[in-house]
Amino acid sequence: MRSLGKFFLPLVIGLLVFSAKTMAQEEAGNDTLYLSIDEAVEIALSDNPGIKVADKEITKVDYSRKEVWAGLIPSVSAEGSYNRNVKKPVMFLSEDMAAGFGGNTTIEIGSDNSYSGAITAAMPLFNMSLFRNIQMTEVQMESALESARQSRINMISEVKKAYFNCLLANDSYNVMKRSIRNARENYDNIKRLYEQGAAAEYDVIRSEVQVRNLEPSLTEARNGREVSVLMLKILLGLERDMPVKFKEDLLTFNQLIETMPPAPQQDISNNSDIRQLNVQELQLDKQFDLTRAQRFPTLSAFVNFQYQTQANHFRFNEYEWAKPVVAGLQLQVPIFSGFSKRYQEKQVEISMEQLSFQRENVERQVSVSVLNAHSQMEAAAEKVESGKVGVKQAERGYKIAQTRYETGVGTLLELNDAEVALTQSQLNLNQARFEFLSARAEYEKLLGNSLPGEN
């Protein structure tokens, strides 16, 4: 009975430990974030601080627009005052009038205490500068919206490139794992043949060295993968310790290579830089109109209601209050301001000419960049097709070299060369796919067509 207890007790403990480890692994797995490229873009657009700043800028400009519109609403102000006449003001009299006042040529007026309160309401009836300023704020809103759009397009491009970089690092790590696995299998086979007397000791040593030479490359690939994932987390606004895995690999996007546009797109009107220049041109037009509007007269209406009294005592219930009301129109006509407005108009006109030259230069640069991105896509697509053939040939060559060595026909040098060629061809294929996808992301950014939900 005791022997059964000694047997089952370690078994039960082992089962409990295994169950605890399994539950911990499942719990850790549930915390892992599995990403696709669309989900990565969605997270970046909602959580990235740069995007939030752009959205806040839109809100700020909207309040600025409302502030200008508020200039059309009547303004109401109130004021009140109390004055103590330490020495009362006087009124001077002529000599004839002074005779009637005992010969005094001055007479005090007013009381010791003076109270007044007033409410004034004013509203602009015609103010061309205000109307032009309202139009300017509408253009400023368009500029803020376009800036936010540009931020989103740039962010999408950066996230895609970072995502593809993670896939490249992950696939490269897998290639190095397969390479070191093949090297270890070769080492085990050669060691077994050596023990059977069918292989030389030099081959055993050389195959072991081959394994050890590949281990640093595997470590480097692992570190590269961790760094690329960390950069993606920063763009997505994720916690550094959150585990991330990817639903896709570079091969998943092979269809994009097959459906590559045959020629670069000529329409670059959706490019963010060009759209920004369009908004700037509109801003300069409105600024010119705003400067010229300062030559126009302004007309406003006002109403003023006053409540005032004076007395030499503080018996408020005996005060007599006057309640005058004044209403009227106020017209201001600018006549001459030293040509300053004309000089301001000239400055705006020169800015418009500068913008025209700048626009021409930007259009050329964007056209060249689009052509360059398309050329990079074409070159990378050709590399991919060539790389596919190279991988197939390298795999076949490795199998042949392995068979030749096992049958004693080939040499270890041939086998190692075949392994290196296979690893390099797989890495080259992954690099070509990454170059294509990165060039495509840049191509979409230049055309301004990479924003979700935009026609």
Protein backbone atom coordinates (compact mmCIF):
# COMPACT_ATOMS: atom_id res chain seq x y z
CA MET A 1 0.00 0.00 0.00
CA ARG A 2 2.84 2.33 0.91
CA SER A 3 4.54 1.49 -2.39
CA LEU A 4 1.38 2.47 -4.27
CA GLY A 5 1.28 5.73 -2.36
CA LYS A 6 4.88 6.44 -3.25
CA PHE A 7 4.02 5.80 -6.88
CA PHE A 8 0.78 7.80 -7.15
CA LEU A 9 1.82 10.81 -5.06
CA PRO A 10 4.50 12.04 -7.53
CA LEU A 11 2.12 11.30 -10.37
CA VAL A 12 -0.65 13.42 -8.84
CA ILE A 13 1.79 16.25 -8.10
CA GLY A 14 3.09 16.09 -11.66
CA LEU A 15 -0.45 16.27 -13.07
CA LEU A 16 -1.25 19.30 -10.89
CA VAL A 17 1.92 21.10 -11.98
CA PHE A 18 1.20 20.29 -15.64
CA SER A 19 -2.38 21.60 -15.31
CA ALA A 20 -1.15 24.81 -13.67
CA LYS A 21 1.38 25.39 -16.45
CA THR A 22 -1.27 24.72 -19.11
CA MET A 23 -3.69 27.17 -17.51
CA ALA A 24 -0.96 29.81 -17.26
CA GLN A 25 -0.06 29.34 -20.93
CA GLU A 26 -3.73 29.60 -21.96
CA GLU A 27 -4.14 32.73 -19.85
CA ALA A 28 -1.03 34.27 -21.40
CA GLY A 29 -2.28 33.28 -24.83
CA ASN A 30 -5.58 35.05 -24.18
CA ASP A 31 -3.66 38.29 -23.50
CA THR A 32 -1.81 38.06 -26.81
CA LEU A 33 -2.89 40.56 -29.48
CA TYR A 34 -3.26 38.94 -32.90
CA LEU A 35 -2.93 41.53 -35.64
CA SER A 36 -3.75 41.76 -39.30
CA ILE A 37 -2.64 44.75 -41.35
CA ASP A 38 -6.16 46.21 -41.41
CA GLU A 39 -6.47 45.88 -37.65
CA ALA A 40 -3.07 47.50 -37.15
CA VAL A 41 -4.14 50.47 -39.28
CA GLU A 42 -7.44 50.74 -37.40
CA ILE A 43 -5.68 50.79 -34.02
CA ALA A 44 -3.19 53.41 -35.21
CA LEU A 45 -5.93 55.72 -36.49
CA SER A 46 -7.78 55.55 -33.18
CA ASP A 47 -4.97 55.44 -30.60
CA ASN A 48 -1.90 57.13 -32.10
CA PRO A 49 -1.11 60.43 -30.30
CA GLY A 50 -0.26 62.20 -33.57
CA ILE A 51 -3.72 61.46 -34.96
CA LYS A 52 -5.33 62.68 -31.74
CA VAL A 53 -3.39 65.95 -32.00
CA ALA A 54 -4.66 66.45 -35.58
CA ASP A 55 -8.25 65.81 -34.45
CA LYS A 56 -7.88 68.31 -31.61
CA GLU A 57 -6.61 70.88 -34.12
CA ILE A 58 -9.87 70.48 -36.06
CA THR A 59 -11.84 71.10 -32.89
CA LYS A 60 -9.75 74.18 -32.08
CA VAL A 61 -10.23 75.66 -35.56
CA ASP A 62 -13.97 74.98 -35.30
CA TYR A 63 -14.12 77.05 -32.11
CA SER A 64 -12.15 79.78 -33.86
CA ARG A 65 -14.71 79.75 -36.68
CA LYS A 66 -17.56 80.02 -34.18
CA GLU A 67 -15.75 82.90 -32.48
CA VAL A 68 -15.75 84.91 -35.72
CA TRP A 69 -19.39 84.08 -36.41
CA ALA A 70 -20.19 85.41 -32.94
CA GLY A 71 -19.24 88.87 -34.23
CA LEU A 72 -22.63 89.01 -35.99
CA ILE A 73 -24.52 88.55 -32.73
CA PRO A 74 -25.48 91.72 -30.83
CA SER A 75 -23.13 92.51 -27.96
CA VAL A 76 -24.49 93.73 -24.65
CA SER A 77 -22.38 95.38 -21.96
CA ALA A 78 -23.17 96.94 -18.60
CA GLU A 79 -21.22 99.40 -16.49
CA GLY A 80 -21.70 101.26 -13.26
CA SER A 81 -19.82 103.97 -11.37
CA TYR A 82 -19.85 105.99 -8.17
CA ASN A 83 -18.07 109.35 -7.96
CA ARG A 84 -17.40 111.42 -4.86
CA ASN A 85 -16.89 115.05 -5.76
CA VAL A 86 -14.21 116.09 -3.27
CA LYS A 87 -14.21 119.46 -4.95
CA LYS A 88 -17.15 120.08 -7.19
CA PRO A 89 -16.72 121.29 -10.76
CA VAL A 90 -17.61 124.91 -11.48
CA MET A 91 -19.27 126.80 -14.29
CA PHE A 92 -17.90 130.19 -15.31
CA LEU A 93 -20.33 133.11 -15.73
CA SER A 94 -20.05 136.31 -17.66
CA GLU A 95 -19.86 139.61 -15.71
CA ASP A 96 -23.47 140.44 -16.53
CA MET A 97 -24.67 137.11 -15.25
CA ALA A 98 -22.34 137.26 -12.24
CA ALA A 99 -24.12 140.42 -11.06
CA GLY A 100 -27.23 138.35 -10.47
CA PHE A 101 -25.26 135.90 -8.33
CA GLY A 102 -23.68 138.38 -5.98
CA GLY A 103 -20.75 139.17 -8.27
CA ASN A 104 -19.38 135.62 -8.30
CA THR A 105 -18.04 134.64 -11.71
CA THR A 106 -18.02 130.92 -10.85
CA ILE A 107 -20.71 128.68 -9.51
CA GLU A 108 -20.42 125.10 -8.32
CA ILE A 109 -22.47 122.49 -10.11
CA GLY A 110 -23.36 118.93 -9.24
CA SER A 111 -23.62 117.14 -5.94
CA ASP A 112 -21.25 115.46 -3.55
CA ASN A 113 -22.26 111.95 -4.68
CA SER A 114 -22.82 110.84 -8.24
CA TYR A 115 -24.18 107.41 -9.29
CA SER A 116 -24.60 106.10 -12.80
CA GLY A 117 -25.34 102.78 -14.48
CA ALA A 118 -25.67 101.99 -18.17
CA ILE A 119 -26.52 99.10 -20.46
CA THR A 120 -25.36 99.31 -24.07
CA ALA A 121 -26.30 96.96 -26.92
CA ALA A 122 -24.58 97.14 -30.31
CA MET A 123 -24.87 95.13 -33.50
CA PRO A 124 -22.97 95.40 -36.79
CA LEU A 125 -25.25 96.05 -39.76
CA PHE A 126 -22.56 96.18 -42.43
CA ASN A 127 -18.94 95.18 -41.86
CA MET A 128 -17.19 93.80 -44.94
CA SER A 129 -14.06 92.87 -42.96
CA LEU A 130 -16.15 90.72 -40.64
CA PHE A 131 -17.85 88.96 -43.56
CA ARG A 132 -14.49 88.27 -45.24
CA ASN A 133 -13.05 87.04 -41.96
CA ILE A 134 -15.91 84.55 -41.69
CA GLN A 135 -15.03 83.24 -45.15
CA MET A 136 -11.37 83.00 -44.07
CA THR A 137 -12.28 80.80 -41.10
CA GLU A 138 -14.13 78.42 -43.42
CA VAL A 139 -10.95 78.01 -45.44
CA GLN A 140 -8.97 77.51 -42.23
CA MET A 141 -11.32 74.66 -41.37
CA GLU A 142 -10.61 73.11 -44.77
CA SER A 143 -6.89 73.45 -44.07
CA ALA A 144 -7.25 71.72 -40.69
CA LEU A 145 -9.28 68.91 -42.24
CA GLU A 146 -6.68 68.43 -44.98
CA SER A 147 -3.87 68.43 -42.41
CA ALA A 148 -5.71 65.74 -40.45
CA ARG A 149 -6.21 63.78 -43.66
CA GLN A 150 -2.51 64.06 -44.46
CA SER A 151 -1.61 62.89 -40.96
CA ARG A 152 -3.82 59.83 -41.39
CA ILE A 153 -2.39 58.98 -44.81
CA ASN A 154 1.18 59.33 -43.53
CA MET A 155 0.33 57.26 -40.47
CA ILE A 156 -1.21 54.49 -42.60
CA SER A 157 1.91 54.39 -44.75
CA GLU A 158 4.20 54.24 -41.70
CA VAL A 159 2.11 51.52 -40.05
CA LYS A 160 2.06 49.42 -43.22
CA LYS A 161 5.82 49.69 -43.63
CA ALA A 162 6.38 48.85 -39.95
CA TYR A 163 3.96 45.92 -40.24
CA PHE A 164 5.70 44.59 -43.34
CA ASN A 165 9.04 45.04 -41.59
CA CYS A 166 7.75 42.86 -38.73
CA LEU A 167 6.67 40.20 -41.24
CA LEU A 168 10.09 40.36 -42.92
CA ALA A 169 11.87 40.00 -39.59
CA ASN A 170 9.56 37.14 -38.59
CA ASP A 171 9.98 35.30 -41.90
CA SER A 172 13.76 35.84 -41.81
CA TYR A 173 13.83 34.41 -38.31
CA ASN A 174 11.89 31.35 -39.53
CA VAL A 175 14.34 30.94 -42.43
CA MET A 176 17.27 31.00 -40.02
CA LYS A 177 15.50 28.49 -37.79
CA ARG A 178 15.02 26.16 -40.75
CA SER A 179 18.63 26.67 -41.76
CA ILE A 180 20.01 25.83 -38.34
CA ARG A 181 17.63 22.87 -38.11
CA ASN A 182 18.96 21.54 -41.42
CA ALA A 183 22.51 22.10 -40.23
CA ARG A 184 21.84 20.16 -37.04
CA GLU A 185 20.23 17.32 -38.97
CA ASN A 186 23.29 17.19 -41.22
CA TYR A 187 25.53 17.16 -38.16
CA ASP A 188 23.56 14.29 -36.62
CA ASN A 189 23.67 12.31 -39.88
CA ILE A 190 27.39 12.90 -40.37
CA LYS A 191 28.12 11.99 -36.76
CA ARG A 192 26.16 8.76 -37.18
CA LEU A 193 28.03 7.97 -40.40
CA TYR A 194 31.32 8.72 -38.63
CA GLU A 195 30.45 6.32 -35.84
CA GLN A 196 29.74 3.71 -38.50
CA GLY A 197 33.06 4.47 -40.17
CA ALA A 198 31.44 5.92 -43.29
CA ALA A 199 32.49 9.56 -42.75
CA ALA A 200 35.68 11.38 -41.85
CA GLU A 201 36.25 13.14 -38.54
CA TYR A 202 36.90 16.37 -40.46
CA ASP A 203 33.32 16.29 -41.77
CA VAL A 204 31.99 15.92 -38.22
CA ILE A 205 34.03 18.89 -37.03
CA ARG A 206 33.12 20.99 -40.09
CA SER A 207 29.38 20.28 -39.71
CA GLU A 208 29.51 21.18 -36.01
CA VAL A 209 31.25 24.45 -36.85
CA GLN A 210 28.54 25.13 -39.44
CA VAL A 211 25.87 24.82 -36.71
CA ARG A 212 27.74 27.11 -34.34
CA ASN A 213 28.31 29.70 -37.08
CA LEU A 214 24.57 29.87 -37.70
CA GLU A 215 23.58 30.35 -34.06
CA PRO A 216 24.65 34.05 -33.90
CA SER A 217 22.64 34.72 -37.07
CA LEU A 218 19.59 33.18 -35.41
CA THR A 219 20.11 35.37 -32.35
CA GLU A 220 20.47 38.44 -34.54
CA ALA A 221 17.29 37.55 -36.43
CA ARG A 222 15.44 37.13 -33.11
CA ASN A 223 16.63 40.53 -31.89
CA GLY A 224 15.66 42.12 -35.19
CA ARG A 225 12.19 40.68 -34.86
CA GLU A 226 11.79 42.04 -31.33
CA VAL A 227 12.96 45.52 -32.35
CA SER A 228 10.61 45.66 -35.35
CA VAL A 229 7.65 44.62 -33.18
CA LEU A 230 8.59 47.28 -30.62
CA MET A 231 8.60 49.98 -33.32
CA LEU A 232 5.16 48.86 -34.47
CA LYS A 233 3.86 49.00 -30.89
CA ILE A 234 5.05 52.59 -30.62
CA LEU A 235 3.14 53.56 -33.76
CA LEU A 236 0.01 51.78 -32.54
CA GLY A 237 0.23 53.26 -29.05
CA LEU A 238 0.40 49.80 -27.45
CA GLU A 239 2.01 48.86 -24.18
CA ARG A 240 5.58 47.67 -24.55
CA ASP A 241 4.94 44.45 -22.61
CA MET A 242 1.87 43.41 -24.60
CA PRO A 243 2.61 40.23 -26.60
CA VAL A 244 1.82 40.61 -30.30
CA LYS A 245 1.51 37.99 -33.02
CA PHE A 246 0.61 38.36 -36.68
CA LYS A 247 -2.18 36.68 -38.60
CA GLU A 248 -0.32 37.10 -41.91
CA ASP A 249 3.08 36.61 -43.47
CA LEU A 250 4.70 38.11 -46.56
CA LEU A 251 3.31 35.32 -48.74
CA THR A 252 -0.24 36.42 -47.81
CA PHE A 253 0.20 39.56 -49.93
CA ASN A 254 1.35 37.74 -53.03
CA GLN A 255 -1.88 38.70 -54.80
CA LEU A 256 -0.90 42.38 -54.59
CA ILE A 257 2.18 41.57 -56.64
CA GLU A 258 0.10 39.78 -59.25
CA THR A 259 -2.36 42.70 -59.51
CA MET A 260 0.25 45.45 -59.69
CA PRO A 261 -0.84 48.42 -61.88
CA PRO A 262 0.86 48.11 -65.29
CA ALA A 263 1.64 51.84 -65.51
CA PRO A 264 2.00 54.63 -62.95
CA GLN A 265 -1.14 56.67 -62.33
CA GLN A 266 -1.08 60.12 -63.89
CA ASP A 267 -3.73 61.75 -61.70
CA ILE A 268 -1.95 63.18 -58.64
CA SER A 269 -4.69 65.61 -57.61
CA ASN A 270 -5.38 63.54 -54.48
CA ASN A 271 -1.83 63.95 -53.21
CA SER A 272 -1.89 65.58 -49.77
CA ASP A 273 0.84 68.12 -50.55
CA ILE A 274 -0.97 69.29 -53.67
CA ARG A 275 -4.30 69.48 -51.85
CA GLN A 276 -2.61 71.55 -49.15
CA LEU A 277 -1.35 73.94 -51.82
CA ASN A 278 -4.90 74.22 -53.17
CA VAL A 279 -6.11 75.22 -49.72
CA GLN A 280 -3.24 77.69 -49.33
CA GLU A 281 -4.17 79.28 -52.66
CA LEU A 282 -7.74 79.66 -51.47
CA GLN A 283 -6.50 81.15 -48.21
CA LEU A 284 -4.46 83.76 -50.07
CA ASP A 285 -7.51 84.68 -52.17
CA LYS A 286 -9.57 85.20 -49.02
CA GLN A 287 -6.73 87.10 -47.37
CA PHE A 288 -6.59 89.45 -50.37
CA ASP A 289 -10.34 90.00 -50.11
CA LEU A 290 -10.03 90.58 -46.37
CA THR A 291 -7.30 93.19 -46.86
CA ARG A 292 -9.34 95.00 -49.52
CA ALA A 293 -12.47 94.85 -47.34
CA GLN A 294 -10.78 97.18 -44.85
CA ARG A 295 -11.39 100.00 -47.35
CA PHE A 296 -15.16 99.64 -46.98
CA PRO A 297 -17.19 101.70 -44.49
CA THR A 298 -18.77 100.01 -41.48
CA LEU A 299 -22.26 100.60 -40.14
CA SER A 300 -23.52 99.50 -36.73
CA ALA A 301 -26.57 100.14 -34.58
CA PHE A 302 -26.54 100.78 -30.83
CA VAL A 303 -28.92 101.38 -27.93
CA ASN A 304 -27.80 102.91 -24.63
CA PHE A 305 -29.92 102.96 -21.47
CA GLN A 306 -28.66 104.92 -18.46
CA TYR A 307 -29.74 105.07 -14.84
CA GLN A 308 -28.18 108.01 -12.94
CA THR A 309 -28.60 110.37 -10.05
CA GLN A 310 -26.74 112.89 -7.83
CA ALA A 311 -27.15 113.85 -4.19
CA ASN A 312 -25.31 115.41 -1.25
CA HIS A 313 -26.48 112.75 1.23
CA PHE A 314 -26.79 108.95 1.47
CA ARG A 315 -30.55 108.68 1.93
CA PHE A 316 -31.11 106.41 -1.03
CA ASN A 317 -34.89 106.30 -0.73
CA GLU A 318 -35.00 110.03 -1.42
CA TYR A 319 -32.91 109.91 -4.58
CA GLU A 320 -34.41 110.95 -7.87
CA TRP A 321 -33.17 108.80 -10.76
CA ALA A 322 -32.89 109.91 -14.38
CA LYS A 323 -33.38 107.27 -17.09
CA PRO A 324 -32.19 108.57 -20.47
CA VAL A 325 -32.26 106.21 -23.49
CA VAL A 326 -30.20 106.79 -26.60
CA ALA A 327 -30.41 104.83 -29.87
CA GLY A 328 -28.66 105.47 -33.13
CA LEU A 329 -26.43 104.39 -36.01
CA GLN A 330 -22.68 104.71 -36.24
CA LEU A 331 -20.98 105.01 -39.62
CA GLN A 332 -17.22 104.85 -40.03
CA VAL A 333 -15.67 105.65 -43.41
CA PRO A 334 -11.92 105.04 -43.92
CA ILE A 335 -10.49 107.90 -46.00
CA PHE A 336 -6.72 107.68 -45.91
CA SER A 337 -4.32 105.38 -44.05
CA GLY A 338 -1.01 106.12 -45.68
CA PHE A 339 -1.23 103.46 -48.45
CA SER A 340 -0.65 100.71 -45.84
CA LYS A 341 -3.60 98.65 -47.08
CA ARG A 342 -2.39 98.88 -50.67
CA TYR A 343 1.02 97.63 -49.63
CA GLN A 344 -0.59 94.72 -47.79
CA GLU A 345 -2.46 93.79 -50.97
CA LYS A 346 0.79 93.83 -52.92
CA GLN A 347 2.37 91.47 -50.39
CA VAL A 348 -0.51 89.02 -50.78
CA GLU A 349 -0.23 89.20 -54.58
CA ILE A 350 3.48 88.35 -54.37
CA SER A 351 2.68 85.44 -52.03
CA MET A 352 0.21 84.13 -54.63
CA GLU A 353 2.89 84.27 -57.31
CA GLN A 354 5.32 82.43 -55.02
CA LEU A 355 2.71 79.78 -54.34
CA SER A 356 2.22 79.29 -58.08
CA PHE A 357 5.94 78.56 -58.55
CA GLN A 358 5.95 76.31 -55.50
CA ARG A 359 2.97 74.38 -56.81
CA GLU A 360 4.67 73.77 -60.13
CA ASN A 361 7.76 72.44 -58.34
CA VAL A 362 5.75 70.19 -56.00
CA GLU A 363 3.76 68.71 -58.89
CA ARG A 364 6.99 67.79 -60.64
CA GLN A 365 8.45 66.24 -57.51
CA VAL A 366 5.30 64.22 -56.81
CA SER A 367 5.14 62.99 -60.41
CA VAL A 368 8.75 61.84 -60.24
CA SER A 369 8.18 60.20 -56.84
CA VAL A 370 5.14 58.33 -58.17
CA LEU A 371 7.15 57.14 -61.16
CA ASN A 372 10.03 56.11 -58.90
CA ALA A 373 7.72 54.18 -56.53
CA HIS A 374 6.14 52.38 -59.47
CA SER A 375 9.58 51.51 -60.85
CA GLN A 376 10.57 50.12 -57.46
CA MET A 377 7.41 48.01 -57.46
CA GLU A 378 8.25 46.66 -60.92
CA ALA A 379 11.83 45.86 -59.94
CA ALA A 380 10.71 44.17 -56.71
CA ALA A 381 8.04 42.15 -58.59
CA GLU A 382 10.70 40.88 -60.99
CA LYS A 383 12.90 39.98 -58.03
CA VAL A 384 10.01 38.06 -56.48
CA GLU A 385 9.41 36.02 -59.63
CA SER A 386 13.11 35.33 -59.96
CA GLY A 387 13.34 34.55 -56.26
CA LYS A 388 10.56 31.96 -56.46
CA VAL A 389 12.45 30.08 -59.15
CA GLY A 390 15.68 30.48 -57.18
CA VAL A 391 14.13 28.98 -54.03
CA LYS A 392 12.77 25.99 -55.94
CA GLN A 393 16.12 25.37 -57.57
CA ALA A 394 17.97 25.83 -54.26
CA GLU A 395 15.64 23.35 -52.52
CA ARG A 396 16.19 20.80 -55.27
CA GLY A 397 19.93 21.42 -55.22
CA TYR A 398 20.03 20.94 -51.43
CA LYS A 399 18.20 17.62 -51.65
CA ILE A 400 20.54 16.44 -54.39
CA ALA A 401 23.62 17.48 -52.42
CA GLN A 402 22.25 15.77 -49.32
CA THR A 403 21.60 12.55 -51.22
CA ARG A 404 25.01 12.67 -52.90
CA TYR A 405 26.75 13.07 -49.57
CA GLU A 406 24.81 10.26 -47.89
CA THR A 407 25.66 7.91 -50.76
CA GLY A 408 29.31 8.91 -50.60
CA VAL A 409 29.39 10.59 -54.03
CA GLY A 410 29.30 14.22 -52.87
CA THR A 411 31.40 16.19 -50.40
CA LEU A 412 30.55 18.14 -47.30
CA LEU A 413 31.59 21.32 -49.08
CA GLU A 414 28.87 20.75 -51.68
CA LEU A 415 26.30 20.15 -48.95
CA ASN A 416 27.26 23.30 -47.06
CA ASP A 417 27.21 25.36 -50.27
CA ALA A 418 23.76 24.03 -51.08
CA GLU A 419 22.53 24.90 -47.58
CA VAL A 420 23.94 28.43 -47.80
CA ALA A 421 22.40 28.89 -51.26
CA LEU A 422 18.99 27.72 -49.99
CA THR A 423 19.08 30.07 -47.00
CA GLN A 424 20.20 33.01 -49.09
CA SER A 425 17.57 32.41 -51.77
CA GLN A 426 14.80 32.29 -49.15
CA LEU A 427 16.06 35.48 -47.52
CA ASN A 428 16.30 37.18 -50.94
CA LEU A 429 12.72 36.19 -51.75
CA ASN A 430 11.45 37.60 -48.45
CA GLN A 431 13.43 40.80 -49.01
CA ALA A 432 11.99 41.19 -52.52
CA ARG A 433 8.44 40.79 -51.22
CA PHE A 434 9.12 43.35 -48.50
CA GLU A 435 10.57 45.83 -51.01
CA PHE A 436 7.48 45.48 -53.19
CA LEU A 437 5.04 45.99 -50.31
CA SER A 438 7.00 48.98 -48.98
CA ALA A 439 7.11 50.56 -52.44
CA ARG A 440 3.38 49.96 -52.82
CA ALA A 441 2.68 51.65 -49.47
CA GLU A 442 4.73 54.65 -50.60
CA TYR A 443 2.94 54.64 -53.97
CA GLU A 444 -0.47 54.72 -52.27
CA LYS A 445 0.65 57.53 -49.95
CA LEU A 446 1.86 59.66 -52.87
CA LEU A 447 -1.44 59.20 -54.71
CA GLY A 448 -3.41 59.91 -51.53
CA ASN A 449 -5.56 56.83 -52.03
CA SER A 450 -4.68 54.89 -48.89
CA LEU A 451 -7.26 56.46 -46.56
CA PRO A 452 -10.06 54.02 -45.57
CA GLY A 453 -13.56 55.09 -46.46
CA GLU A 454 -12.41 57.72 -48.99
CA ASN A 455 -13.50 57.56 -52.60
